[in-house]
């Protein structure tokens, strides 16, 4: 079996691609559109572009044959809500926002089969340097996102939790200053604008004033940018949809989403990202849920994080935290709302808020999101589409997320049939991008 590690320097990533076309043969083709799988198919690509996919395709004589008989090939995942460069070991903070940490995060996403990520805020100037490198294939995964984002003085996001640096977040106190801050992000080339609206369960003394978030949304739209809103409660989701936000970046987790809001989201084309794995992570590691003990879950834990989750004293403290009951109820409500919104035809993206704190492990959280979404009642095929074609569509990226001629050859190969059993997504054989194969979690 062909496997390449990610130990080489990031700057050489694109130059290592094969000069010959590659054909992956005798695979189950799951193309990302939700269509039924095609058995005994082949996928032909040259570097970073797909040439053909399906049964009985013509394979050139000079193609390198990679037989993966009985395995499944699907597009690499796209995660619409992550963070990079925030964590080192178990510690969160601006001191970790360095090139080696960010590239390390991207490498870990890639090992877990995530080929494109959206770093949704709290990014410093380094982000604008790394993003073009990622687009050019010089980094392990492609990178999009929000530069700093718009927070609240003395409010969200909580400084005590995230320890962001002064160049990683704007906290305007007036609408006029908010307009200036949006302009700065637009001039730097941010892909989106993010606003933090909620008060983190009442733990923060203030929330963003309507005149500020309305000014942010209006100026972002004037500059051709869409706005993603950090929310938790139904009331804030309603406010954001009414004000014109384009993406609800977390699920509604306090109350059921009513028909009127569903209708408004559909009418306005608002995207919804459930981030179920966020609440699960609050309790799963401390409870030592069965999945946390698997080699797949533990493969890429840092030594400090592994020591923490294995510490009985830490687990007792974690389960005694005041946030635990809320996380349990939030997860249940978030799952129910995801099912309601998906069934109603609201546009659903895919993301986890992984990388914001240590327990939301980069890449692994995305696989938990797949499983939780199926547990919520979505079919495996629907969930795969959500994490591939739909997640790319949220970013307005038409070159990835599906397997079809002319698209990016961002391919994930797994053992088994994830269209029938989503657990097969965790049996990663390898991923391919720019003609390079990378093995799964270490």
Protein backbone atom coordinates (compact mmCIF):
# COMPACT_ATOMS: atom_id res chain seq x y z
CA UNK A 1 0.00 0.00 0.00
CA UNK A 2 1.37 3.40 -0.99
CA UNK A 3 1.70 5.73 1.95
CA UNK A 4 3.55 9.00 2.37
CA UNK A 5 4.05 10.72 5.69
CA UNK A 6 3.76 14.45 6.30
CA UNK A 7 7.20 14.75 7.75
CA UNK A 8 8.55 16.73 4.82
CA UNK A 9 8.77 20.50 4.86
CA UNK A 10 5.51 22.24 4.04
CA UNK A 11 7.17 24.31 1.32
CA UNK A 12 7.82 21.16 -0.70
CA UNK A 13 4.25 19.88 -0.51
CA UNK A 14 3.15 20.87 -4.01
CA UNK A 15 6.45 20.01 -5.69
CA UNK A 16 6.23 16.34 -4.68
CA UNK A 17 3.17 15.66 -6.83
CA UNK A 18 3.53 12.93 -9.43
CA UNK A 19 4.13 13.97 -13.06
CA UNK A 20 2.05 11.03 -14.34
CA UNK A 21 -1.69 10.48 -14.16
CA UNK A 22 -2.87 8.22 -11.34
CA UNK A 23 -5.75 5.79 -11.49
CA UNK A 24 -7.30 4.48 -8.28
CA UNK A 25 -9.09 1.31 -9.32
CA UNK A 26 -11.73 -1.17 -8.14
CA UNK A 27 -13.20 1.21 -5.57
CA UNK A 28 -16.68 2.09 -4.43
CA UNK A 29 -17.27 5.62 -5.74
CA UNK A 30 -19.21 7.94 -3.39
CA UNK A 31 -19.17 11.19 -5.33
CA UNK A 32 -20.38 13.63 -2.63
CA UNK A 33 -23.69 14.50 -4.31
CA UNK A 34 -25.75 11.99 -2.35
CA UNK A 35 -26.15 9.75 -5.39
CA UNK A 36 -25.96 5.98 -4.85
CA UNK A 37 -22.41 4.60 -4.79
CA UNK A 38 -20.93 3.14 -7.97
CA UNK A 39 -19.31 -0.23 -7.33
CA UNK A 40 -16.04 -1.37 -8.92
CA UNK A 41 -15.29 2.12 -10.20
CA UNK A 42 -12.07 3.93 -10.98
CA UNK A 43 -10.95 7.51 -10.46
CA UNK A 44 -8.35 9.05 -12.78
CA UNK A 45 -6.53 12.25 -11.91
CA UNK A 46 -3.42 14.18 -12.88
CA UNK A 47 -1.89 16.25 -10.12
CA UNK A 48 -4.66 18.28 -8.56
CA UNK A 49 -7.36 17.74 -11.22
CA UNK A 50 -9.81 14.91 -11.76
CA UNK A 51 -9.92 13.56 -15.31
CA UNK A 52 -12.56 10.84 -15.08
CA UNK A 53 -14.54 8.84 -12.56
CA UNK A 54 -16.91 5.89 -12.87
CA UNK A 55 -17.02 2.39 -14.27
CA UNK A 56 -15.18 1.37 -17.43
CA UNK A 57 -13.32 4.65 -17.81
CA UNK A 58 -10.36 4.80 -20.20
CA UNK A 59 -7.10 4.64 -18.29
CA UNK A 60 -4.00 5.89 -20.16
CA UNK A 61 -1.14 3.47 -20.61
CA UNK A 62 1.23 5.78 -18.75
CA UNK A 63 -1.03 6.04 -15.68
CA UNK A 64 0.17 4.75 -12.34
CA UNK A 65 -2.33 2.20 -11.08
CA UNK A 66 -3.21 2.27 -7.38
CA UNK A 67 -5.55 -0.60 -6.68
CA UNK A 68 -7.82 -0.18 -3.68
CA UNK A 69 -10.15 -3.09 -4.31
CA UNK A 70 -13.18 -3.05 -2.04
CA UNK A 71 -12.40 0.34 -0.47
CA UNK A 72 -14.50 3.48 -0.91
CA UNK A 73 -13.35 6.76 -2.43
CA UNK A 74 -15.12 10.03 -1.67
CA UNK A 75 -14.20 13.72 -1.66
CA UNK A 76 -12.07 14.91 1.21
CA UNK A 77 -14.09 16.64 3.89
CA UNK A 78 -14.57 20.40 4.06
CA UNK A 79 -14.94 21.86 7.55
CA UNK A 80 -16.68 25.24 7.58
CA UNK A 81 -15.92 26.11 11.20
CA UNK A 82 -12.54 25.44 12.80
CA UNK A 83 -9.74 27.39 14.44
CA UNK A 84 -6.01 27.07 13.84
CA UNK A 85 -2.98 28.07 15.87
CA UNK A 86 -4.97 28.43 19.09
CA UNK A 87 -3.77 25.35 21.00
CA UNK A 88 -0.49 23.95 22.21
CA UNK A 89 -0.90 20.83 24.33
CA UNK A 90 -3.77 21.75 26.63
CA UNK A 91 -3.16 25.51 26.59
CA UNK A 92 -5.09 28.08 24.57
CA UNK A 93 -3.79 31.51 23.69
CA UNK A 94 -2.20 33.98 21.31
CA UNK A 95 1.28 32.64 22.09
CA UNK A 96 0.39 29.56 20.05
CA UNK A 97 -0.44 31.50 16.90
CA UNK A 98 2.76 30.60 15.04
CA UNK A 99 3.50 29.10 11.66
CA UNK A 100 4.63 25.71 12.95
CA UNK A 101 1.48 25.28 15.04
CA UNK A 102 -0.85 26.31 12.23
CA UNK A 103 0.87 24.05 9.70
CA UNK A 104 0.77 21.28 12.29
CA UNK A 105 -2.98 21.78 12.68
CA UNK A 106 -3.46 21.64 8.91
CA UNK A 107 -1.41 18.44 8.76
CA UNK A 108 -3.58 16.87 11.42
CA UNK A 109 -6.77 17.83 9.59
CA UNK A 110 -5.31 16.24 6.47
CA UNK A 111 -4.49 12.98 8.26
CA UNK A 112 -8.12 12.79 9.33
CA UNK A 113 -9.27 13.31 5.75
CA UNK A 114 -10.19 17.01 5.95
CA UNK A 115 -8.82 18.78 2.88
CA UNK A 116 -10.22 22.30 3.32
CA UNK A 117 -10.84 24.22 6.54
CA UNK A 118 -12.35 27.58 7.41
CA UNK A 119 -10.60 29.21 10.37
CA UNK A 120 -13.52 31.23 11.65
CA UNK A 121 -11.90 34.16 13.44
CA UNK A 122 -9.23 35.00 16.02
CA UNK A 123 -6.56 35.04 13.30
CA UNK A 124 -3.57 37.36 13.29
CA UNK A 125 -1.71 38.89 10.32
CA UNK A 126 0.10 35.58 9.75
CA UNK A 127 -3.18 34.20 8.42
CA UNK A 128 -2.98 36.44 5.37
CA UNK A 129 0.49 35.08 4.60
CA UNK A 130 -0.39 31.41 5.01
CA UNK A 131 -3.68 31.43 3.13
CA UNK A 132 -2.16 31.98 -0.36
CA UNK A 133 0.36 29.22 0.34
CA UNK A 134 -2.48 26.88 1.23
CA UNK A 135 -4.40 27.79 -1.93
CA UNK A 136 -1.28 27.02 -3.97
CA UNK A 137 -1.02 23.55 -2.43
CA UNK A 138 2.10 24.34 -0.43
CA UNK A 139 0.49 23.43 2.90
CA UNK A 140 -1.11 20.13 3.99
CA UNK A 141 -4.72 21.40 3.71
CA UNK A 142 -6.38 24.37 2.06
CA UNK A 143 -7.18 27.32 4.32
CA UNK A 144 -9.97 29.89 4.23
CA UNK A 145 -11.51 31.97 6.95
CA UNK A 146 -12.07 35.16 8.88
CA UNK A 147 -9.22 37.44 9.84
CA UNK A 148 -9.84 38.92 13.30
CA UNK A 149 -13.63 38.98 13.60
CA UNK A 150 -15.88 41.34 15.57
CA UNK A 151 -16.31 40.74 19.29
CA UNK A 152 -17.67 42.72 22.21
CA UNK A 153 -15.80 44.80 24.82
CA UNK A 154 -16.01 42.85 28.10
CA UNK A 155 -18.10 40.28 26.25
CA UNK A 156 -17.83 37.52 23.66
CA UNK A 157 -15.63 35.79 22.90
CA UNK A 158 -14.48 35.44 26.52
CA UNK A 159 -10.92 36.64 26.87
CA UNK A 160 -10.31 34.47 29.93
CA UNK A 161 -11.06 31.35 27.88
CA UNK A 162 -9.38 32.13 24.55
CA UNK A 163 -6.62 34.59 25.51
CA UNK A 164 -6.62 36.19 22.06
CA UNK A 165 -3.98 38.75 21.17
CA UNK A 166 -4.65 42.43 20.38
CA UNK A 167 -4.09 41.74 16.66
CA UNK A 168 -6.47 38.74 16.60
CA UNK A 169 -9.82 40.33 17.41
CA UNK A 170 -11.68 43.61 17.08
CA UNK A 171 -13.98 44.70 19.91
CA UNK A 172 -15.62 47.90 18.65
CA UNK A 173 -17.67 49.94 21.10
CA UNK A 174 -19.51 51.96 18.45
CA UNK A 175 -21.11 51.28 15.09
CA UNK A 176 -18.70 53.69 13.43
CA UNK A 177 -15.70 51.79 14.77
CA UNK A 178 -17.28 48.50 13.67
CA UNK A 179 -17.52 49.80 10.11
CA UNK A 180 -13.83 50.71 10.20
CA UNK A 181 -12.90 47.26 11.51
CA UNK A 182 -14.90 45.52 8.79
CA UNK A 183 -13.08 47.67 6.25
CA UNK A 184 -9.73 46.61 7.64
CA UNK A 185 -10.66 42.95 7.28
CA UNK A 186 -12.01 43.51 3.79
CA UNK A 187 -8.83 45.29 2.72
CA UNK A 188 -6.78 42.35 4.04
CA UNK A 189 -8.79 39.94 1.90
CA UNK A 190 -10.81 38.11 4.56
CA UNK A 191 -13.13 35.47 3.12
CA UNK A 192 -15.93 36.14 5.62
CA UNK A 193 -16.74 38.36 8.59
CA UNK A 194 -17.66 36.83 11.94
CA UNK A 195 -19.56 38.36 14.84
CA UNK A 196 -19.91 36.96 18.36
CA UNK A 197 -23.40 37.61 19.63
CA UNK A 198 -24.22 35.46 22.65
CA UNK A 199 -23.23 35.85 26.31
CA UNK A 200 -21.91 32.29 26.81
CA UNK A 201 -24.69 31.07 29.02
CA UNK A 202 -24.94 34.29 31.00
CA UNK A 203 -21.28 34.15 32.01
CA UNK A 204 -20.50 37.45 30.27
CA UNK A 205 -21.89 40.80 31.42
CA UNK A 206 -22.77 42.23 28.01
CA UNK A 207 -23.86 41.23 24.51
CA UNK A 208 -23.31 42.93 21.17
CA UNK A 209 -25.65 45.88 20.71
CA UNK A 210 -28.03 45.74 17.72
CA UNK A 211 -26.69 48.95 16.21
CA UNK A 212 -23.22 47.40 16.09
CA UNK A 213 -24.15 44.06 14.55
CA UNK A 214 -26.44 45.78 12.05
CA UNK A 215 -23.58 48.08 11.05
CA UNK A 216 -21.23 45.09 10.69
CA UNK A 217 -23.67 43.22 8.47
CA UNK A 218 -24.47 46.26 6.33
CA UNK A 219 -20.81 47.18 5.79
CA UNK A 220 -19.81 43.58 5.13
CA UNK A 221 -22.48 43.26 2.47
CA UNK A 222 -21.45 46.59 0.97
CA UNK A 223 -17.91 45.22 0.69
CA UNK A 224 -19.14 41.98 -0.87
CA UNK A 225 -18.56 39.86 2.25
CA UNK A 226 -20.89 37.45 4.01
CA UNK A 227 -21.32 37.36 7.78
CA UNK A 228 -21.16 34.31 10.04
CA UNK A 229 -22.76 34.70 13.46
CA UNK A 230 -21.71 32.92 16.66
CA UNK A 231 -24.92 32.15 18.55
CA UNK A 232 -26.30 29.64 21.04
CA UNK A 233 -29.89 30.64 21.74
CA UNK A 234 -32.94 30.79 19.51
CA UNK A 235 -33.52 34.49 20.23
CA UNK A 236 -30.08 35.37 18.91
CA UNK A 237 -30.52 33.19 15.83
CA UNK A 238 -33.77 35.00 15.06
CA UNK A 239 -32.07 38.37 15.52
CA UNK A 240 -29.26 37.38 13.17
CA UNK A 241 -31.55 36.08 10.44
CA UNK A 242 -33.71 39.22 10.72
CA UNK A 243 -30.61 41.44 10.52
CA UNK A 244 -29.34 39.70 7.38
CA UNK A 245 -26.56 37.40 8.62
CA UNK A 246 -25.64 34.80 6.03
CA UNK A 247 -24.37 31.91 8.16
CA UNK A 248 -25.45 30.70 11.59
CA UNK A 249 -22.11 29.38 12.76
CA UNK A 250 -23.38 27.26 15.67
CA UNK A 251 -26.56 25.34 16.19
CA UNK A 252 -29.54 26.64 18.13
CA UNK A 253 -29.29 24.74 21.39
CA UNK A 254 -31.75 26.15 23.91
CA UNK A 255 -35.15 25.70 22.24
CA UNK A 256 -36.67 23.99 19.20
CA UNK A 257 -36.38 26.00 16.01
CA UNK A 258 -39.93 27.12 15.08
CA UNK A 259 -41.46 26.91 11.59
CA UNK A 260 -41.36 30.69 11.14
CA UNK A 261 -37.58 30.82 11.54
CA UNK A 262 -37.11 27.80 9.30
CA UNK A 263 -39.19 29.52 6.61
CA UNK A 264 -37.19 32.73 6.95
CA UNK A 265 -33.87 30.89 6.70
CA UNK A 266 -35.03 29.08 3.57
CA UNK A 267 -36.34 32.28 1.98
CA UNK A 268 -33.11 34.16 2.66
CA UNK A 269 -30.75 31.26 1.89
CA UNK A 270 -29.14 31.34 5.34
CA UNK A 271 -26.65 28.54 6.02
CA UNK A 272 -26.64 26.59 9.30
CA UNK A 273 -23.67 24.84 10.94
CA UNK A 274 -24.69 22.64 13.87
CA UNK A 275 -21.29 22.09 15.60
CA UNK A 276 -22.66 19.15 17.60
CA UNK A 277 -19.16 17.94 18.48
CA UNK A 278 -18.58 21.11 20.52
CA UNK A 279 -21.00 20.16 23.29
CA UNK A 280 -20.11 16.48 23.15
CA UNK A 281 -16.43 17.24 23.78
CA UNK A 282 -17.33 19.02 27.02
CA UNK A 283 -18.26 15.71 28.61
CA UNK A 284 -17.06 12.83 26.40
CA UNK A 285 -13.40 12.78 27.39
CA UNK A 286 -14.14 13.16 31.09
CA UNK A 287 -16.71 10.38 30.91
CA UNK A 288 -14.30 8.21 28.93
CA UNK A 289 -16.96 7.43 26.38
CA UNK A 290 -16.07 4.35 24.36
CA UNK A 291 -15.01 6.24 21.25
CA UNK A 292 -12.46 8.30 23.23
CA UNK A 293 -10.49 5.12 23.98
CA UNK A 294 -10.11 3.98 20.37
CA UNK A 295 -6.77 4.18 18.56
CA UNK A 296 -8.43 6.44 15.97
CA UNK A 297 -9.36 8.96 18.67
CA UNK A 298 -6.06 8.84 20.51
CA UNK A 299 -3.75 8.70 17.50
CA UNK A 300 -3.01 12.41 17.29
CA UNK A 301 -3.57 13.55 20.86
CA UNK A 302 -0.66 15.61 22.11
CA UNK A 303 1.18 14.12 25.08
CA UNK A 304 -0.14 16.81 27.48
CA UNK A 305 -3.74 16.30 26.32
CA UNK A 306 -3.45 12.51 26.56
CA UNK A 307 -2.12 12.86 30.10
CA UNK A 308 -4.96 15.20 31.01
CA UNK A 309 -7.80 13.00 29.78
CA UNK A 310 -6.18 9.97 31.45
CA UNK A 311 -5.96 11.74 34.82
CA UNK A 312 -8.77 10.58 37.16
CA UNK A 313 -8.55 13.78 39.18
CA UNK A 314 -9.00 15.91 36.06
CA UNK A 315 -12.00 13.85 35.00
CA UNK A 316 -13.68 14.36 38.39
CA UNK A 317 -13.14 18.11 38.18
CA UNK A 318 -14.31 18.26 34.57
CA UNK A 319 -17.55 16.43 35.28
CA UNK A 320 -18.21 18.65 38.30
CA UNK A 321 -17.99 21.82 36.18
CA UNK A 322 -21.06 24.01 35.98
CA UNK A 323 -21.03 23.80 32.17
CA UNK A 324 -21.66 20.04 32.06
CA UNK A 325 -25.47 19.95 32.49
CA UNK A 326 -25.86 22.66 29.87
CA UNK A 327 -23.61 20.81 27.44
CA UNK A 328 -25.75 17.68 27.73
CA UNK A 329 -29.02 19.49 27.09
CA UNK A 330 -27.45 21.64 24.36
CA UNK A 331 -26.25 18.55 22.51
CA UNK A 332 -29.67 16.92 22.60
CA UNK A 333 -31.42 20.10 21.44
CA UNK A 334 -28.78 20.74 18.79
CA UNK A 335 -29.29 17.27 17.34
CA UNK A 336 -33.06 17.68 17.24
CA UNK A 337 -32.79 21.08 15.56
CA UNK A 338 -30.34 19.80 12.96
CA UNK A 339 -32.82 17.09 11.98
CA UNK A 340 -35.69 19.58 11.75
CA UNK A 341 -33.74 22.04 9.64
CA UNK A 342 -32.28 19.40 7.33
CA UNK A 343 -35.68 17.80 6.80
CA UNK A 344 -37.15 21.20 5.97
CA UNK A 345 -34.53 21.91 3.30
CA UNK A 346 -32.50 24.61 5.06
CA UNK A 347 -28.95 24.80 3.70
CA UNK A 348 -26.72 22.84 6.10
CA UNK A 349 -22.95 23.26 6.25
CA UNK A 350 -20.44 21.24 8.21
CA UNK A 351 -18.18 22.34 11.06
CA UNK A 352 -17.22 21.66 14.65
CA UNK A 353 -15.38 24.64 16.20
CA UNK A 354 -12.43 22.25 16.47
CA UNK A 355 -9.16 23.80 17.49
CA UNK A 356 -10.75 26.48 19.68
CA UNK A 357 -9.98 24.53 22.85
CA UNK A 358 -7.89 21.41 23.33
CA UNK A 359 -10.73 18.92 23.79
CA UNK A 360 -12.11 19.73 20.35
CA UNK A 361 -9.38 17.83 18.57
CA UNK A 362 -8.58 18.92 15.02
CA UNK A 363 -9.85 16.38 12.50
CA UNK A 364 -11.18 13.97 15.08
CA UNK A 365 -13.99 16.38 15.95
CA UNK A 366 -15.06 16.30 12.30
CA UNK A 367 -15.52 12.53 12.49
CA UNK A 368 -17.55 12.91 15.68
CA UNK A 369 -19.73 15.45 13.85
CA UNK A 370 -20.40 12.86 11.14
CA UNK A 371 -21.42 10.26 13.72
CA UNK A 372 -23.54 12.65 15.77
CA UNK A 373 -25.33 13.88 12.67
CA UNK A 374 -26.29 10.31 11.79
CA UNK A 375 -27.37 9.74 15.40
CA UNK A 376 -29.54 12.84 15.01
CA UNK A 377 -31.45 11.06 12.26
CA UNK A 378 -29.73 12.05 9.01
CA UNK A 379 -28.76 9.22 6.67
CA UNK A 380 -25.05 8.49 6.17
CA UNK A 381 -25.29 9.57 2.51
CA UNK A 382 -26.90 12.87 3.53
CA UNK A 383 -24.21 13.47 6.11
CA UNK A 384 -21.42 12.74 3.63
CA UNK A 385 -22.97 15.22 1.21
CA UNK A 386 -23.24 17.76 4.01
CA UNK A 387 -19.51 17.41 4.75
CA UNK A 388 -18.39 17.51 1.11
CA UNK A 389 -20.54 19.10 -1.59
CA UNK A 390 -22.66 21.21 0.76
CA UNK A 391 -19.75 22.36 2.92
CA UNK A 392 -17.91 23.48 -0.22
CA UNK A 393 -21.05 25.25 -1.46
CA UNK A 394 -21.24 27.23 1.79
CA UNK A 395 -17.87 28.70 0.80
CA UNK A 396 -19.02 29.24 -2.79
CA UNK A 397 -16.30 26.81 -3.87
CA UNK A 398 -17.37 24.99 -7.01
CA UNK A 399 -14.07 23.20 -7.63
CA UNK A 400 -14.26 20.66 -4.78
CA UNK A 401 -16.60 18.63 -2.63
CA UNK A 402 -17.64 16.30 -5.46
CA UNK A 403 -15.84 13.73 -7.57
CA UNK A 404 -16.32 14.74 -11.21
CA UNK A 405 -14.06 15.61 -14.16
CA UNK A 406 -12.45 19.02 -13.80
CA UNK A 407 -12.83 19.18 -10.03
CA UNK A 408 -9.97 19.14 -7.54
CA UNK A 409 -8.54 15.70 -6.92
CA UNK A 410 -9.02 15.93 -3.16
CA UNK A 411 -9.82 12.30 -2.44
CA UNK A 412 -10.36 10.28 0.72
CA UNK A 413 -10.12 6.49 0.66
CA UNK A 414 -11.64 4.47 3.49
CA UNK A 415 -12.23 0.79 4.13
CA UNK A 416 -15.87 -0.26 4.10
CA UNK A 417 -18.95 1.55 2.87
CA UNK A 418 -19.64 4.80 4.77
CA UNK A 419 -22.81 5.38 2.76
CA UNK A 420 -24.27 2.48 4.74
CA UNK A 421 -22.26 2.74 7.99
CA UNK A 422 -20.79 6.13 8.85
CA UNK A 423 -18.28 4.41 11.16
CA UNK A 424 -16.38 3.38 8.03
CA UNK A 425 -15.24 7.01 7.72
CA UNK A 426 -12.91 6.27 10.59
CA UNK A 427 -11.12 3.49 8.67
CA UNK A 428 -8.90 5.83 6.67
CA UNK A 429 -6.60 4.22 4.14
CA UNK A 430 -5.16 7.44 2.74
CA UNK A 431 -6.05 10.81 1.28
CA UNK A 432 -4.86 12.31 -2.00
CA UNK A 433 -4.33 15.96 -2.91
CA UNK A 434 -2.03 17.43 -5.57
CA UNK A 435 -1.08 13.86 -6.48
CA UNK A 436 0.27 13.11 -3.01
CA UNK A 437 -0.98 10.29 -0.79
CA UNK A 438 -1.04 10.86 2.96
CA UNK A 439 -1.77 8.16 5.51
CA UNK A 440 -4.44 8.47 8.17
CA UNK A 441 -3.94 9.36 11.85
CA UNK A 442 -0.57 8.32 13.20
